Amino acid sequence: TTPGEINLVQGATDVLDGGSYDFGNVTVGSPQTVTFTVQNTGTTNLTLTPPITVTGAAFALGTTFGVTTVPAGGSTTFTLTFTPSAAGPFTGTVSFATNDCDEGTYNFVLNGTGTTIPPVADFSATPTSACAGTTVVFTNLSTNAASYSWNFGASATPSTSTATNPSVVFNTPGVYPVTLTATNAFGSDVETKTGYIVALNNSGVVLPISEGFVYATFPP
């Protein structure tokens, strides 16, 4: 008979004893949890001996083995979590004991990179040209933002806003710039559109109209 034989996979990828697993790019402060599957490819029971030891400040054990005795052809799982606290690379290790003859202590390296995603401010409005006093609806097109600060100018109601998609009335005829500041935990981005809103004069002007007749004599 073949003793218990461990094979560790993450998804469809083998994670070798003495090898490594890379979490890839993960947003700072956002935990990513990955499930690892322990397979027994031998013909007798594979015994797993806790604890699963995890090192590295950004890495942690999520859940331990579902079972510690894995029958031939069977499997069990455990999870690891990567939570980067800052931008840049992180490294850790994982190790646990088994009764596999040539892999009595299974260990591998953990890698991961913390990334930041700054916001990008953008917006549109409808209408952008209308009579003074018309309500203009702004549509926020920003990405990766958590909060917003709008500035429409002193003649607008409201003149500022923190709403996502504000509705604004430009009370006085004129041409107005609009500024949107989008912010998240990683910074801010400012989008200013100059001369973006045109508030037209809505007072009617009556032009004088005169009529005249011209007489002409035509020969018979």
N, C-alpha and C. Protein backbone atom coordinates (compact mmCIF):
# COMPACT_ATOMS: atom_id res chain seq x y z
N THR A 1 0.84 -1.20 0.00
CA THR A 1 0.00 0.00 0.00
C THR A 1 0.88 1.26 0.00
N THR A 2 0.27 2.33 -0.54
CA THR A 2 0.96 3.63 -0.54
C THR A 2 0.48 4.44 0.65
N PRO A 3 1.43 4.97 1.47
CA PRO A 3 0.99 5.78 2.60
C PRO A 3 0.19 6.99 2.12
N GLY A 4 -0.45 7.69 3.07
CA GLY A 4 -1.15 8.91 2.72
C GLY A 4 -0.23 9.85 1.97
N GLU A 5 -0.71 10.39 0.88
CA GLU A 5 0.11 11.26 0.02
C GLU A 5 -0.61 12.58 -0.18
N ILE A 6 0.02 13.66 0.29
CA ILE A 6 -0.63 14.97 0.23
C ILE A 6 -0.40 15.64 -1.13
N ASN A 7 -1.47 16.26 -1.61
CA ASN A 7 -1.39 17.13 -2.79
C ASN A 7 -2.24 18.35 -2.46
N LEU A 8 -1.61 19.53 -2.51
CA LEU A 8 -2.30 20.77 -2.14
C LEU A 8 -2.57 21.59 -3.39
N VAL A 9 -3.81 22.04 -3.53
CA VAL A 9 -4.18 22.85 -4.69
C VAL A 9 -4.96 24.07 -4.25
N GLN A 10 -4.87 25.10 -5.04
CA GLN A 10 -5.73 26.27 -4.90
C GLN A 10 -6.40 26.46 -6.25
N GLY A 11 -7.69 26.12 -6.29
CA GLY A 11 -8.37 26.09 -7.58
C GLY A 11 -7.81 24.95 -8.39
N ALA A 12 -7.31 25.26 -9.58
CA ALA A 12 -6.72 24.24 -10.45
C ALA A 12 -5.20 24.26 -10.40
N THR A 13 -4.62 25.03 -9.47
CA THR A 13 -3.17 25.21 -9.42
C THR A 13 -2.57 24.46 -8.24
N ASP A 14 -1.55 23.66 -8.50
CA ASP A 14 -0.84 22.97 -7.43
C ASP A 14 -0.02 23.98 -6.62
N VAL A 15 -0.05 23.82 -5.29
CA VAL A 15 0.80 24.60 -4.40
C VAL A 15 1.78 23.62 -3.78
N LEU A 16 3.01 23.65 -4.25
CA LEU A 16 4.00 22.64 -3.90
C LEU A 16 4.58 22.86 -2.51
N ASP A 17 4.98 21.77 -1.86
CA ASP A 17 5.74 21.85 -0.63
C ASP A 17 7.06 22.56 -0.95
N GLY A 18 7.37 23.62 -0.21
CA GLY A 18 8.55 24.42 -0.50
C GLY A 18 8.31 25.46 -1.59
N GLY A 19 7.09 25.51 -2.12
CA GLY A 19 6.77 26.46 -3.18
C GLY A 19 6.16 27.74 -2.63
N SER A 20 5.28 28.35 -3.41
CA SER A 20 4.69 29.62 -2.99
C SER A 20 3.30 29.79 -3.57
N TYR A 21 2.57 30.71 -2.96
CA TYR A 21 1.26 31.12 -3.48
C TYR A 21 1.20 32.64 -3.44
N ASP A 22 0.71 33.25 -4.52
CA ASP A 22 0.65 34.70 -4.64
C ASP A 22 -0.80 35.16 -4.67
N PHE A 23 -1.18 35.98 -3.71
CA PHE A 23 -2.53 36.54 -3.67
C PHE A 23 -2.73 37.60 -4.76
N GLY A 24 -1.63 38.08 -5.35
CA GLY A 24 -1.74 39.12 -6.37
C GLY A 24 -1.98 40.48 -5.75
N ASN A 25 -2.60 41.37 -6.51
CA ASN A 25 -2.87 42.73 -6.05
C ASN A 25 -4.19 42.79 -5.31
N VAL A 26 -4.14 43.32 -4.08
CA VAL A 26 -5.33 43.43 -3.24
C VAL A 26 -5.39 44.86 -2.70
N THR A 27 -6.57 45.46 -2.74
CA THR A 27 -6.73 46.83 -2.26
C THR A 27 -6.44 46.92 -0.77
N VAL A 28 -5.69 47.95 -0.38
CA VAL A 28 -5.34 48.15 1.02
C VAL A 28 -6.59 48.18 1.89
N GLY A 29 -6.56 47.41 2.97
CA GLY A 29 -7.68 47.37 3.91
C GLY A 29 -8.83 46.46 3.53
N SER A 30 -8.74 45.82 2.35
CA SER A 30 -9.82 44.94 1.89
C SER A 30 -9.35 43.49 1.94
N PRO A 31 -9.84 42.70 2.90
CA PRO A 31 -9.35 41.32 3.02
C PRO A 31 -9.75 40.45 1.84
N GLN A 32 -8.82 39.63 1.41
CA GLN A 32 -9.11 38.63 0.38
C GLN A 32 -8.85 37.25 0.96
N THR A 33 -9.87 36.39 0.90
CA THR A 33 -9.77 35.05 1.46
C THR A 33 -9.72 34.02 0.34
N VAL A 34 -8.80 33.07 0.49
CA VAL A 34 -8.58 32.05 -0.53
C VAL A 34 -8.70 30.67 0.12
N THR A 35 -9.35 29.75 -0.59
CA THR A 35 -9.54 28.38 -0.10
C THR A 35 -8.50 27.45 -0.72
N PHE A 36 -7.84 26.67 0.13
CA PHE A 36 -6.87 25.67 -0.30
C PHE A 36 -7.46 24.29 -0.04
N THR A 37 -7.23 23.36 -0.96
CA THR A 37 -7.76 22.00 -0.84
C THR A 37 -6.60 21.02 -0.67
N VAL A 38 -6.70 20.25 0.41
CA VAL A 38 -5.72 19.18 0.67
C VAL A 38 -6.30 17.88 0.13
N GLN A 39 -5.63 17.28 -0.83
CA GLN A 39 -6.07 16.02 -1.43
C GLN A 39 -5.17 14.88 -0.96
N ASN A 40 -5.76 13.73 -0.75
CA ASN A 40 -4.99 12.52 -0.42
C ASN A 40 -4.96 11.63 -1.66
N THR A 41 -3.82 11.59 -2.32
CA THR A 41 -3.67 10.77 -3.53
C THR A 41 -3.08 9.40 -3.23
N GLY A 42 -2.88 9.10 -1.93
CA GLY A 42 -2.36 7.79 -1.53
C GLY A 42 -3.48 6.77 -1.36
N THR A 43 -3.13 5.61 -0.77
CA THR A 43 -4.12 4.52 -0.62
C THR A 43 -4.48 4.26 0.84
N THR A 44 -3.88 5.03 1.76
CA THR A 44 -4.27 4.94 3.18
C THR A 44 -4.54 6.34 3.69
N ASN A 45 -5.00 6.42 4.93
CA ASN A 45 -5.39 7.72 5.47
C ASN A 45 -4.22 8.70 5.52
N LEU A 46 -4.54 9.96 5.20
CA LEU A 46 -3.59 11.06 5.37
C LEU A 46 -3.99 11.79 6.64
N THR A 47 -3.04 11.91 7.57
CA THR A 47 -3.31 12.59 8.84
C THR A 47 -2.70 13.98 8.82
N LEU A 48 -3.51 14.95 9.13
CA LEU A 48 -3.06 16.34 9.21
C LEU A 48 -3.04 16.75 10.68
N THR A 49 -1.96 17.38 11.10
CA THR A 49 -1.81 17.72 12.51
C THR A 49 -1.81 19.24 12.68
N PRO A 50 -2.90 19.80 13.23
CA PRO A 50 -2.91 21.25 13.50
C PRO A 50 -1.86 21.58 14.57
N PRO A 51 -1.50 22.86 14.73
CA PRO A 51 -2.12 24.00 14.05
C PRO A 51 -1.52 24.25 12.67
N ILE A 52 -2.25 25.02 11.88
CA ILE A 52 -1.69 25.58 10.65
C ILE A 52 -1.02 26.89 11.07
N THR A 53 0.28 26.94 10.94
CA THR A 53 1.03 28.12 11.38
C THR A 53 1.20 29.09 10.23
N VAL A 54 0.76 30.32 10.44
CA VAL A 54 0.85 31.36 9.41
C VAL A 54 1.69 32.51 9.95
N THR A 55 2.70 32.93 9.19
CA THR A 55 3.49 34.10 9.56
C THR A 55 3.28 35.21 8.54
N GLY A 56 3.70 36.41 8.93
CA GLY A 56 3.54 37.57 8.05
C GLY A 56 2.38 38.42 8.55
N ALA A 57 2.65 39.71 8.79
CA ALA A 57 1.67 40.58 9.43
C ALA A 57 0.37 40.71 8.65
N ALA A 58 0.42 40.58 7.33
CA ALA A 58 -0.79 40.79 6.52
C ALA A 58 -1.56 39.51 6.27
N PHE A 59 -1.03 38.36 6.73
CA PHE A 59 -1.65 37.07 6.44
C PHE A 59 -2.22 36.45 7.72
N ALA A 60 -3.32 35.72 7.58
CA ALA A 60 -3.95 35.09 8.74
C ALA A 60 -4.68 33.82 8.32
N LEU A 61 -4.79 32.90 9.26
CA LEU A 61 -5.60 31.70 9.03
C LEU A 61 -7.07 32.07 9.12
N GLY A 62 -7.82 31.69 8.10
CA GLY A 62 -9.26 31.92 8.14
C GLY A 62 -9.96 30.78 8.86
N THR A 63 -10.01 29.62 8.23
CA THR A 63 -10.58 28.41 8.83
C THR A 63 -9.56 27.29 8.73
N THR A 64 -9.50 26.45 9.76
CA THR A 64 -8.55 25.35 9.77
C THR A 64 -9.12 24.16 9.00
N PHE A 65 -8.42 23.02 9.04
CA PHE A 65 -8.85 21.84 8.30
C PHE A 65 -10.29 21.46 8.64
N GLY A 66 -11.05 21.10 7.60
CA GLY A 66 -12.40 20.59 7.84
C GLY A 66 -12.35 19.28 8.60
N VAL A 67 -11.44 18.42 8.22
CA VAL A 67 -11.17 17.17 8.95
C VAL A 67 -9.66 17.00 9.01
N THR A 68 -9.18 16.24 10.00
CA THR A 68 -7.73 16.02 10.11
C THR A 68 -7.33 14.63 9.64
N THR A 69 -8.30 13.76 9.42
CA THR A 69 -8.01 12.44 8.83
C THR A 69 -8.70 12.37 7.48
N VAL A 70 -7.87 12.36 6.43
CA VAL A 70 -8.39 12.39 5.06
C VAL A 70 -8.24 11.00 4.47
N PRO A 71 -9.34 10.34 4.12
CA PRO A 71 -9.24 8.99 3.55
C PRO A 71 -8.62 9.01 2.16
N ALA A 72 -8.18 7.85 1.70
CA ALA A 72 -7.61 7.73 0.35
C ALA A 72 -8.62 8.26 -0.67
N GLY A 73 -8.15 9.14 -1.54
CA GLY A 73 -9.03 9.72 -2.56
C GLY A 73 -9.87 10.86 -2.05
N GLY A 74 -9.77 11.17 -0.75
CA GLY A 74 -10.59 12.22 -0.17
C GLY A 74 -9.88 13.56 -0.14
N SER A 75 -10.53 14.56 0.44
CA SER A 75 -9.94 15.89 0.53
C SER A 75 -10.56 16.68 1.67
N THR A 76 -9.92 17.74 2.05
CA THR A 76 -10.43 18.69 3.02
C THR A 76 -9.89 20.06 2.66
N THR A 77 -10.39 21.09 3.31
CA THR A 77 -9.98 22.45 2.94
C THR A 77 -9.59 23.27 4.16
N PHE A 78 -8.85 24.35 3.90
CA PHE A 78 -8.61 25.40 4.88
C PHE A 78 -8.53 26.72 4.11
N THR A 79 -8.66 27.84 4.82
CA THR A 79 -8.63 29.15 4.15
C THR A 79 -7.58 30.05 4.77
N LEU A 80 -7.03 30.91 3.95
CA LEU A 80 -6.08 31.93 4.37
C LEU A 80 -6.58 33.29 3.89
N THR A 81 -6.27 34.32 4.67
CA THR A 81 -6.71 35.68 4.35
C THR A 81 -5.52 36.62 4.26
N PHE A 82 -5.55 37.46 3.23
CA PHE A 82 -4.53 38.49 3.03
C PHE A 82 -5.20 39.85 3.15
N THR A 83 -4.76 40.67 4.12
CA THR A 83 -5.30 42.01 4.32
C THR A 83 -4.15 43.00 4.37
N PRO A 84 -3.77 43.58 3.25
CA PRO A 84 -2.65 44.53 3.26
C PRO A 84 -3.01 45.81 3.99
N SER A 85 -2.06 46.30 4.78
CA SER A 85 -2.29 47.53 5.55
C SER A 85 -1.72 48.75 4.86
N ALA A 86 -0.96 48.54 3.80
CA ALA A 86 -0.34 49.64 3.07
C ALA A 86 -0.01 49.16 1.67
N ALA A 87 0.32 50.10 0.81
CA ALA A 87 0.72 49.74 -0.55
C ALA A 87 2.10 49.11 -0.52
N GLY A 88 2.30 48.09 -1.38
CA GLY A 88 3.61 47.45 -1.47
C GLY A 88 3.53 45.95 -1.27
N PRO A 89 4.66 45.27 -1.39
CA PRO A 89 4.69 43.81 -1.30
C PRO A 89 4.68 43.31 0.15
N PHE A 90 4.07 42.15 0.35
CA PHE A 90 4.04 41.47 1.65
C PHE A 90 4.44 40.02 1.45
N THR A 91 5.10 39.45 2.47
CA THR A 91 5.54 38.06 2.41
C THR A 91 5.22 37.37 3.73
N GLY A 92 4.86 36.10 3.65
CA GLY A 92 4.61 35.29 4.85
C GLY A 92 4.87 33.83 4.55
N THR A 93 4.56 32.97 5.50
CA THR A 93 4.75 31.53 5.32
C THR A 93 3.58 30.78 5.93
N VAL A 94 3.39 29.53 5.46
CA VAL A 94 2.40 28.61 6.01
C VAL A 94 3.09 27.27 6.25
N SER A 95 2.77 26.63 7.38
CA SER A 95 3.31 25.29 7.62
C SER A 95 2.35 24.48 8.48
N PHE A 96 2.33 23.18 8.24
CA PHE A 96 1.54 22.25 9.06
C PHE A 96 2.13 20.86 8.90
N ALA A 97 1.80 19.99 9.86
CA ALA A 97 2.38 18.65 9.89
C ALA A 97 1.44 17.63 9.26
N THR A 98 2.03 16.59 8.62
CA THR A 98 1.26 15.49 8.03
C THR A 98 1.99 14.18 8.32
N ASN A 99 1.32 13.06 8.00
CA ASN A 99 1.99 11.75 8.12
C ASN A 99 2.54 11.27 6.79
N ASP A 100 2.58 12.19 5.80
CA ASP A 100 3.19 11.86 4.50
C ASP A 100 4.69 11.62 4.73
N CYS A 101 5.19 10.50 4.25
CA CYS A 101 6.58 10.10 4.53
C CYS A 101 7.60 11.15 4.09
N ASP A 102 7.40 11.71 2.92
CA ASP A 102 8.40 12.65 2.41
C ASP A 102 7.97 14.11 2.51
N GLU A 103 6.82 14.35 3.10
CA GLU A 103 6.37 15.73 3.30
C GLU A 103 5.73 15.84 4.68
N GLY A 104 6.55 15.47 5.69
CA GLY A 104 6.05 15.45 7.07
C GLY A 104 5.68 16.83 7.57
N THR A 105 6.41 17.84 7.13
CA THR A 105 6.04 19.24 7.41
C THR A 105 5.84 19.92 6.07
N TYR A 106 4.60 20.29 5.81
CA TYR A 106 4.28 20.93 4.53
C TYR A 106 4.37 22.43 4.74
N ASN A 107 5.13 23.10 3.90
CA ASN A 107 5.28 24.55 4.06
C ASN A 107 5.40 25.22 2.70
N PHE A 108 4.92 26.44 2.64
CA PHE A 108 5.06 27.23 1.42
C PHE A 108 5.03 28.71 1.77
N VAL A 109 5.51 29.52 0.84
CA VAL A 109 5.63 30.97 1.03
C VAL A 109 4.37 31.66 0.51
N LEU A 110 3.96 32.70 1.21
CA LEU A 110 2.84 33.54 0.78
C LEU A 110 3.36 34.88 0.28
N ASN A 111 2.82 35.34 -0.82
CA ASN A 111 3.14 36.65 -1.37
C ASN A 111 1.85 37.40 -1.67
N GLY A 112 1.92 38.69 -1.63
CA GLY A 112 0.78 39.53 -1.98
C GLY A 112 1.22 40.97 -2.05
N THR A 113 0.47 41.78 -2.78
CA THR A 113 0.81 43.19 -2.95
C THR A 113 -0.39 44.05 -2.61
N GLY A 114 -0.19 45.00 -1.70
CA GLY A 114 -1.23 45.96 -1.37
C GLY A 114 -1.25 47.08 -2.39
N THR A 115 -2.42 47.43 -2.85
CA THR A 115 -2.56 48.50 -3.84
C THR A 115 -3.58 49.53 -3.37
N THR A 116 -3.42 50.75 -3.82
CA THR A 116 -4.40 51.80 -3.55
C THR A 116 -5.09 52.17 -4.86
N ILE A 117 -6.36 52.51 -4.75
CA ILE A 117 -7.14 52.89 -5.94
C ILE A 117 -7.68 54.30 -5.71
N PRO A 118 -7.00 55.32 -6.22
CA PRO A 118 -7.48 56.69 -6.02
C PRO A 118 -8.77 56.94 -6.80
N PRO A 119 -9.57 57.90 -6.36
CA PRO A 119 -10.80 58.20 -7.09
C PRO A 119 -10.53 58.99 -8.37
N VAL A 120 -11.48 58.93 -9.28
CA VAL A 120 -11.44 59.74 -10.51
C VAL A 120 -12.78 60.48 -10.60
N ALA A 121 -12.72 61.80 -10.57
CA ALA A 121 -13.94 62.61 -10.59
C ALA A 121 -14.38 62.90 -12.02
N ASP A 122 -15.68 62.79 -12.24
CA ASP A 122 -16.26 63.17 -13.53
C ASP A 122 -17.76 63.31 -13.35
N PHE A 123 -18.39 64.07 -14.24
CA PHE A 123 -19.84 64.28 -14.14
C PHE A 123 -20.39 64.79 -15.45
N SER A 124 -21.71 64.72 -15.56
CA SER A 124 -22.43 65.35 -16.67
C SER A 124 -23.65 66.04 -16.09
N ALA A 125 -24.35 66.82 -16.92
CA ALA A 125 -25.53 67.53 -16.46
C ALA A 125 -26.54 67.64 -17.57
N THR A 126 -27.82 67.74 -17.16
CA THR A 126 -28.92 67.91 -18.12
C THR A 126 -29.94 68.88 -17.53
N PRO A 127 -30.25 69.98 -18.25
CA PRO A 127 -29.59 70.48 -19.46
C PRO A 127 -28.36 71.30 -19.08
N THR A 128 -27.50 71.55 -20.02
CA THR A 128 -26.35 72.42 -19.76
C THR A 128 -26.60 73.85 -20.24
N SER A 129 -27.69 74.05 -20.97
CA SER A 129 -28.07 75.38 -21.42
C SER A 129 -29.58 75.49 -21.33
N ALA A 130 -30.05 76.45 -20.53
CA ALA A 130 -31.50 76.61 -20.34
C ALA A 130 -31.75 77.97 -19.71
N CYS A 131 -33.02 78.35 -19.64
CA CYS A 131 -33.38 79.62 -19.03
C CYS A 131 -32.99 79.64 -17.56
N ALA A 132 -32.58 80.80 -17.07
CA ALA A 132 -32.30 80.95 -15.65
C ALA A 132 -33.51 80.52 -14.84
N GLY A 133 -33.26 79.80 -13.75
CA GLY A 133 -34.35 79.28 -12.93
C GLY A 133 -34.73 77.85 -13.25
N THR A 134 -34.16 77.30 -14.33
CA THR A 134 -34.42 75.90 -14.69
C THR A 134 -33.61 74.97 -13.79
N THR A 135 -34.20 73.86 -13.39
CA THR A 135 -33.49 72.87 -12.57
C THR A 135 -32.55 72.05 -13.45
N VAL A 136 -31.30 72.00 -13.05
CA VAL A 136 -30.29 71.22 -13.75
C VAL A 136 -29.97 69.99 -12.90
N VAL A 137 -30.04 68.81 -13.50
CA VAL A 137 -29.76 67.56 -12.79
C VAL A 137 -28.35 67.10 -13.15
N PHE A 138 -27.52 66.91 -12.14
CA PHE A 138 -26.14 66.46 -12.34
C PHE A 138 -26.05 64.95 -12.12
N THR A 139 -25.34 64.29 -13.02
CA THR A 139 -25.10 62.85 -12.92
C THR A 139 -23.63 62.61 -12.60
N ASN A 140 -23.40 61.95 -11.50
CA ASN A 140 -22.03 61.69 -11.04
C ASN A 140 -21.45 60.50 -11.79
N LEU A 141 -20.36 60.72 -12.51
CA LEU A 141 -19.70 59.67 -13.28
C LEU A 141 -18.36 59.26 -12.66
N SER A 142 -18.14 59.66 -11.41
CA SER A 142 -16.88 59.37 -10.73
C SER A 142 -16.74 57.87 -10.46
N THR A 143 -15.49 57.43 -10.33
CA THR A 143 -15.21 56.03 -9.99
C THR A 143 -14.34 55.97 -8.74
N ASN A 144 -14.53 54.91 -7.97
CA ASN A 144 -13.74 54.61 -6.77
C ASN A 144 -13.82 55.70 -5.70
N ALA A 145 -14.93 56.42 -5.66
CA ALA A 145 -15.06 57.50 -4.69
C ALA A 145 -16.02 57.10 -3.56
N ALA A 146 -15.76 57.66 -2.37
CA ALA A 146 -16.62 57.39 -1.22
C ALA A 146 -17.46 58.60 -0.84
N SER A 147 -16.99 59.81 -1.20
CA SER A 147 -17.74 61.02 -0.88
C SER A 147 -17.49 62.07 -1.95
N TYR A 148 -18.39 63.08 -1.96
CA TYR A 148 -18.34 64.08 -3.02
C TYR A 148 -18.55 65.48 -2.46
N SER A 149 -17.94 66.46 -3.12
CA SER A 149 -18.14 67.86 -2.77
C SER A 149 -18.27 68.66 -4.06
N TRP A 150 -19.45 69.29 -4.23
CA TRP A 150 -19.74 70.06 -5.44
C TRP A 150 -19.69 71.55 -5.12
N ASN A 151 -19.29 72.34 -6.13
CA ASN A 151 -19.36 73.79 -6.03
C ASN A 151 -19.96 74.33 -7.33
N PHE A 152 -21.10 75.02 -7.19
CA PHE A 152 -21.83 75.52 -8.37
C PHE A 152 -21.76 77.03 -8.50
N GLY A 153 -21.23 77.74 -7.51
CA GLY A 153 -21.18 79.19 -7.55
C GLY A 153 -22.26 79.81 -6.69
N ALA A 154 -22.03 81.05 -6.26
CA ALA A 154 -22.91 81.71 -5.29
C ALA A 154 -24.32 81.95 -5.82
N SER A 155 -24.49 82.05 -7.14
CA SER A 155 -25.81 82.35 -7.70
C SER A 155 -26.68 81.11 -7.85
N ALA A 156 -26.15 79.94 -7.54
CA ALA A 156 -26.90 78.69 -7.69
C ALA A 156 -27.57 78.31 -6.38
N THR A 157 -28.63 77.54 -6.50
CA THR A 157 -29.33 77.01 -5.33
C THR A 157 -29.44 75.49 -5.45
N PRO A 158 -28.71 74.71 -4.62
CA PRO A 158 -27.72 75.18 -3.64
C PRO A 158 -26.43 75.59 -4.33
N SER A 159 -25.61 76.35 -3.61
CA SER A 159 -24.32 76.76 -4.18
C SER A 159 -23.27 75.66 -4.04
N THR A 160 -23.45 74.80 -3.03
CA THR A 160 -22.57 73.64 -2.82
C THR A 160 -23.43 72.44 -2.46
N SER A 161 -22.86 71.24 -2.58
CA SER A 161 -23.61 70.04 -2.24
C SER A 161 -22.64 68.89 -1.98
N THR A 162 -23.08 67.95 -1.14
CA THR A 162 -22.34 66.70 -0.94
C THR A 162 -23.15 65.50 -1.44
N ALA A 163 -24.25 65.78 -2.14
CA ALA A 163 -25.07 64.70 -2.69
C ALA A 163 -24.34 64.02 -3.84
N THR A 164 -24.72 62.79 -4.11
CA THR A 164 -24.10 62.08 -5.23
C THR A 164 -24.54 62.66 -6.56
N ASN A 165 -25.85 62.85 -6.72
CA ASN A 165 -26.41 63.38 -7.98
C ASN A 165 -27.34 64.55 -7.64
N PRO A 166 -26.79 65.73 -7.42
CA PRO A 166 -27.62 66.85 -6.98
C PRO A 166 -28.44 67.47 -8.11
N SER A 167 -29.52 68.13 -7.71
CA SER A 167 -30.32 68.96 -8.62
C SER A 167 -30.11 70.41 -8.21
N VAL A 168 -29.84 71.27 -9.18
CA VAL A 168 -29.42 72.64 -8.88
C VAL A 168 -30.19 73.61 -9.77
N VAL A 169 -30.53 74.78 -9.21
CA VAL A 169 -31.16 75.86 -9.98
C VAL A 169 -30.16 77.02 -10.09
N PHE A 170 -29.87 77.44 -11.33
CA PHE A 170 -29.02 78.61 -11.57
C PHE A 170 -29.94 79.80 -11.77
N ASN A 171 -29.96 80.70 -10.77
CA ASN A 171 -31.00 81.72 -10.70
C ASN A 171 -30.75 82.93 -11.58
N THR A 172 -29.50 83.24 -11.85
CA THR A 172 -29.13 84.46 -12.56
C THR A 172 -28.54 84.12 -13.92
N PRO A 173 -28.95 84.81 -14.96
CA PRO A 173 -28.36 84.54 -16.28
C PRO A 173 -26.83 84.68 -16.24
N GLY A 174 -26.16 83.78 -16.91
CA GLY A 174 -24.71 83.81 -16.94
C GLY A 174 -24.14 82.47 -17.35
N VAL A 175 -22.81 82.39 -17.36
CA VAL A 175 -22.10 81.17 -17.70
C VAL A 175 -21.35 80.71 -16.46
N TYR A 176 -21.54 79.46 -16.06
CA TYR A 176 -21.05 79.00 -14.77
C TYR A 176 -20.10 77.80 -14.90
N PRO A 177 -18.98 77.87 -14.17
CA PRO A 177 -18.16 76.66 -14.03
C PRO A 177 -18.75 75.78 -12.93
N VAL A 178 -18.45 74.48 -13.00
CA VAL A 178 -18.87 73.54 -11.95
C VAL A 178 -17.66 72.71 -11.55
N THR A 179 -17.48 72.55 -10.24
CA THR A 179 -16.35 71.77 -9.72
C THR A 179 -16.86 70.62 -8.86
N LEU A 180 -16.32 69.43 -9.10
CA LEU A 180 -16.63 68.25 -8.29
C LEU A 180 -15.33 67.70 -7.73
N THR A 181 -15.30 67.49 -6.42
CA THR A 181 -14.17 66.83 -5.76
C THR A 181 -14.63 65.47 -5.27
N ALA A 182 -13.99 64.42 -5.76
CA ALA A 182 -14.32 63.04 -5.36
C ALA A 182 -13.21 62.55 -4.43
N THR A 183 -13.59 61.90 -3.34
CA THR A 183 -12.63 61.51 -2.31
C THR A 183 -12.85 60.07 -1.88
N ASN A 184 -11.75 59.37 -1.61
CA ASN A 184 -11.81 58.09 -0.90
C ASN A 184 -10.65 58.02 0.08
N ALA A 185 -10.42 56.85 0.67
CA ALA A 185 -9.39 56.72 1.71
C ALA A 185 -7.99 56.97 1.17
N PHE A 186 -7.83 56.94 -0.15
CA PHE A 186 -6.50 57.06 -0.74
C PHE A 186 -6.22 58.42 -1.36
N GLY A 187 -7.18 59.35 -1.28
CA GLY A 187 -6.93 60.68 -1.82
C GLY A 187 -8.16 61.30 -2.45
N SER A 188 -7.94 62.38 -3.18
CA SER A 188 -9.03 63.13 -3.82
C SER A 188 -8.66 63.44 -5.27
N ASP A 189 -9.70 63.67 -6.07
CA ASP A 189 -9.52 64.09 -7.45
C ASP A 189 -10.53 65.20 -7.74
N VAL A 190 -10.09 66.23 -8.45
CA VAL A 190 -10.94 67.39 -8.72
C VAL A 190 -11.19 67.50 -10.22
N GLU A 191 -12.45 67.65 -10.57
CA GLU A 191 -12.84 67.88 -11.96
C GLU A 191 -13.59 69.21 -12.03
N THR A 192 -13.04 70.17 -12.80
CA THR A 192 -13.69 71.46 -13.01
C THR A 192 -14.01 71.61 -14.49
N LYS A 193 -15.27 71.92 -14.79
CA LYS A 193 -15.68 72.17 -16.17
C LYS A 193 -16.03 73.65 -16.28
N THR A 194 -15.18 74.36 -17.00
CA THR A 194 -15.32 75.81 -17.12
C THR A 194 -16.40 76.15 -18.15
N GLY A 195 -17.24 77.13 -17.80
CA GLY A 195 -18.29 77.55 -18.72
C GLY A 195 -19.26 76.43 -19.05
N TYR A 196 -19.51 75.55 -18.08
CA TYR A 196 -20.27 74.34 -18.36
C TYR A 196 -21.78 74.57 -18.40
N ILE A 197 -22.28 75.43 -17.51
CA ILE A 197 -23.72 75.71 -17.46
C ILE A 197 -23.99 77.11 -17.98
N VAL A 198 -24.91 77.20 -18.94
CA VAL A 198 -25.31 78.49 -19.49
C VAL A 198 -26.76 78.75 -19.07
N ALA A 199 -26.94 79.78 -18.22
CA ALA A 199 -28.28 80.18 -17.79
C ALA A 199 -28.70 81.39 -18.63
N LEU A 200 -29.72 81.20 -19.44
CA LEU A 200 -30.14 82.23 -20.40
C LEU A 200 -31.09 83.23 -19.76
N ASN A 201 -31.10 84.43 -20.32
CA ASN A 201 -32.06 85.44 -19.90
C ASN A 201 -33.45 85.01 -20.36
N ASN A 202 -34.37 84.90 -19.42
CA ASN A 202 -35.69 84.39 -19.79
C ASN A 202 -36.76 85.48 -19.86
N SER A 203 -36.34 86.75 -19.91
CA SER A 203 -37.33 87.83 -20.05
C SER A 203 -37.61 88.04 -21.54
N GLY A 204 -38.87 88.05 -21.89
CA GLY A 204 -39.23 88.22 -23.29
C GLY A 204 -38.99 89.65 -23.76
N VAL A 205 -38.55 89.82 -24.98
CA VAL A 205 -38.33 91.15 -25.56
C VAL A 205 -39.26 91.32 -26.76
N VAL A 206 -40.10 92.36 -26.70
CA VAL A 206 -41.04 92.60 -27.79
C VAL A 206 -40.44 93.60 -28.76
N LEU A 207 -40.25 93.19 -29.95
CA LEU A 207 -39.66 94.07 -30.95
C LEU A 207 -40.76 94.89 -31.62
N PRO A 208 -40.52 96.20 -31.92
CA PRO A 208 -41.55 97.02 -32.60
C PRO A 208 -41.75 96.52 -34.03
N ILE A 209 -43.01 96.53 -34.44
CA ILE A 209 -43.34 96.10 -35.79
C ILE A 209 -44.07 97.24 -36.49
N SER A 210 -43.64 97.62 -37.69
CA SER A 210 -44.31 98.67 -38.45
C SER A 210 -44.67 98.13 -39.82
N GLU A 211 -45.78 98.54 -40.29
CA GLU A 211 -46.23 98.09 -41.60
C GLU A 211 -46.40 99.31 -42.51
N GLY A 212 -46.07 99.16 -43.73
CA GLY A 212 -46.24 100.26 -44.69
C GLY A 212 -46.67 99.71 -46.04
N PHE A 213 -47.24 100.56 -46.84
CA PHE A 213 -47.70 100.14 -48.16
C PHE A 213 -47.05 101.03 -49.22
N VAL A 214 -46.69 100.44 -50.29
CA VAL A 214 -46.10 101.18 -51.40
C VAL A 214 -47.08 101.12 -52.57
N TYR A 215 -47.45 102.32 -53.07
CA TYR A 215 -48.40 102.38 -54.18
C TYR A 215 -47.63 102.45 -55.49
N ALA A 216 -48.12 101.72 -56.47
CA ALA A 216 -47.48 101.75 -57.78
C ALA A 216 -48.58 101.82 -58.83
N THR A 217 -48.26 102.49 -59.93
CA THR A 217 -49.22 102.61 -61.03
C THR A 217 -48.69 101.80 -62.20
N PHE A 218 -49.53 100.90 -62.68
CA PHE A 218 -49.12 100.04 -63.78
C PHE A 218 -49.88 100.44 -65.03
N PRO A 219 -49.20 100.48 -66.10
CA PRO A 219 -49.91 100.83 -67.37
C PRO A 219 -50.94 99.76 -67.69
N PRO A 220 -52.07 100.19 -68.35
CA PRO A 220 -53.09 99.19 -68.73
C PRO A 220 -52.58 98.26 -69.79
